[in-house]
Each structure stands twice: as structure tokens, then as C-alpha cells.
Amino acid sequence: MRYARVVNLEYKSAEDVDVFYRKWANWAPDNMPEATSRTNIRTSETSTLLMAIYKSEKLAENAREMANKFFKLQAEHLHEVIEFHGAVMD
């Protein structure tokens, strides 16, 4: 069953959004598990919403663990991380 992870990231500044995203774009391809789809939405000057759909809950959990490692490395740019997850309902 496909499983989704949605992460709302609140950054300390607009500049932090840009710095974080550049680092994520370089880091994620070699470290994150394959997703059926990924979308990054800039929801305000200092926040983004990341959404990824994985083929299974196990892959989604692995993605959560990997993303959290990256978030800890980039903590200087982040104000808050809010996570949601669940089975895709279609």
C-alpha cells in the first residue's frame, strides 16, 4: 500500500529557506529512498511543505529516519518541523 509523508518546515528566515533547499537538493538524491512522487511547496516566505509518496510504509519510515538526520544537520536554519504520515487513500 502506498504511504505518504508530509513535512511542514518553518525556517528562521527567508534566506534560510534558500540555503536549506540548496543543501537538500544536493543531499537528497544520494540519501533518500525512491519515492513515487515528491513535491516541495513554498507556503510562505519562511515555510515549505514537503510531500512524498512511497510504495510502502517501510520505505516511508526509512525516509523519515534519513530526513530527520538531515534536519538535525541543518538545525541552524530550522525553527520548527511538523510531520504527518499515512496511507494514501485512492
Protein backbone atom coordinates (compact mmCIF):
# COMPACT_ATOMS: atom_id res chain seq x y z
CA MET A 1 0.00 0.00 0.00
CA ARG A 2 1.32 3.44 -0.91
CA TYR A 3 2.22 5.61 2.06
CA ALA A 4 2.67 9.39 2.25
CA ARG A 5 4.87 11.60 4.36
CA VAL A 6 4.14 15.31 4.64
CA VAL A 7 6.54 17.62 6.43
CA ASN A 8 5.90 21.28 7.20
CA LEU A 9 9.18 23.11 7.75
CA GLU A 10 9.31 26.53 9.38
CA TYR A 11 12.62 28.33 8.87
CA LYS A 12 14.31 31.08 10.86
CA SER A 13 14.40 33.42 7.84
CA ALA A 14 13.67 33.61 4.12
CA GLU A 15 17.39 33.24 3.44
CA ASP A 16 17.39 30.03 5.49
CA VAL A 17 14.72 28.59 3.16
CA ASP A 18 17.00 29.11 0.17
CA VAL A 19 20.12 27.79 1.90
CA PHE A 20 18.30 24.75 3.26
CA TYR A 21 16.69 23.91 -0.09
CA ARG A 22 20.01 24.12 -1.98
CA LYS A 23 21.59 21.75 0.55
CA TRP A 24 18.56 19.41 0.41
CA ALA A 25 18.66 19.33 -3.41
CA ASN A 26 22.30 18.21 -3.26
CA TRP A 27 21.88 15.75 -0.38
CA ALA A 28 18.54 14.06 -1.06
CA PRO A 29 19.22 12.28 -4.39
CA ASP A 30 22.01 10.18 -2.85
CA ASN A 31 20.40 9.64 0.56
CA MET A 32 16.62 9.45 0.32
CA PRO A 33 14.76 6.30 -0.77
CA GLU A 34 12.97 6.35 -4.10
CA ALA A 35 9.56 7.97 -3.98
CA THR A 36 6.63 7.58 -6.37
CA SER A 37 6.34 11.37 -6.26
CA ARG A 38 7.85 14.32 -4.41
CA THR A 39 6.58 17.88 -4.18
CA ASN A 40 8.06 20.87 -2.37
CA ILE A 41 5.70 23.82 -1.90
CA ARG A 42 6.78 27.20 -0.57
CA THR A 43 3.81 28.08 1.62
CA SER A 44 5.14 31.41 2.89
CA GLU A 45 8.32 33.46 2.96
CA THR A 46 9.67 31.27 5.78
CA SER A 47 7.96 27.89 5.34
CA THR A 48 7.71 24.94 2.99
CA LEU A 49 5.61 21.82 2.75
CA LEU A 50 7.35 18.67 1.55
CA MET A 51 5.18 15.80 0.36
CA ALA A 52 6.40 12.39 -0.80
CA ILE A 53 4.58 9.19 -1.63
CA TYR A 54 6.36 5.86 -1.21
CA LYS A 55 5.47 2.35 -2.38
CA SER A 56 5.24 1.09 1.21
CA GLU A 57 5.11 2.18 4.83
CA LYS A 58 8.54 0.60 5.35
CA LEU A 59 10.10 2.84 2.68
CA ALA A 60 8.32 5.87 4.16
CA GLU A 61 9.71 5.05 7.61
CA ASN A 62 13.20 4.76 6.17
CA ALA A 63 12.69 8.13 4.50
CA ARG A 64 11.61 9.65 7.83
CA GLU A 65 14.78 8.41 9.51
CA MET A 66 17.01 9.73 6.73
CA ALA A 67 15.24 13.10 6.53
CA ASN A 68 15.49 13.55 10.30
CA LYS A 69 19.26 13.04 10.09
CA PHE A 70 19.42 15.82 7.51
CA PHE A 71 17.13 18.07 9.55
CA LYS A 72 19.45 17.68 12.56
CA LEU A 73 22.45 18.61 10.41
CA GLN A 74 20.59 21.74 9.26
CA ALA A 75 19.05 22.70 12.61
CA GLU A 76 20.63 26.16 12.46
CA HIS A 77 18.20 27.02 9.63
CA LEU A 78 15.04 25.50 11.12
CA HIS A 79 12.55 26.92 13.58
CA GLU A 80 10.06 24.03 13.64
CA VAL A 81 9.35 20.69 11.93
CA ILE A 82 5.81 19.29 11.85
CA GLU A 83 5.33 15.81 10.38
CA PHE A 84 2.28 13.94 9.10
CA HIS A 85 2.05 10.48 7.56
CA GLY A 86 -0.47 7.91 6.48
CA ALA A 87 -1.77 5.51 3.86
CA VAL A 88 -2.72 7.02 0.51
CA MET A 89 -6.49 6.72 0.07
CA ASP A 90 -7.08 6.38 -3.67
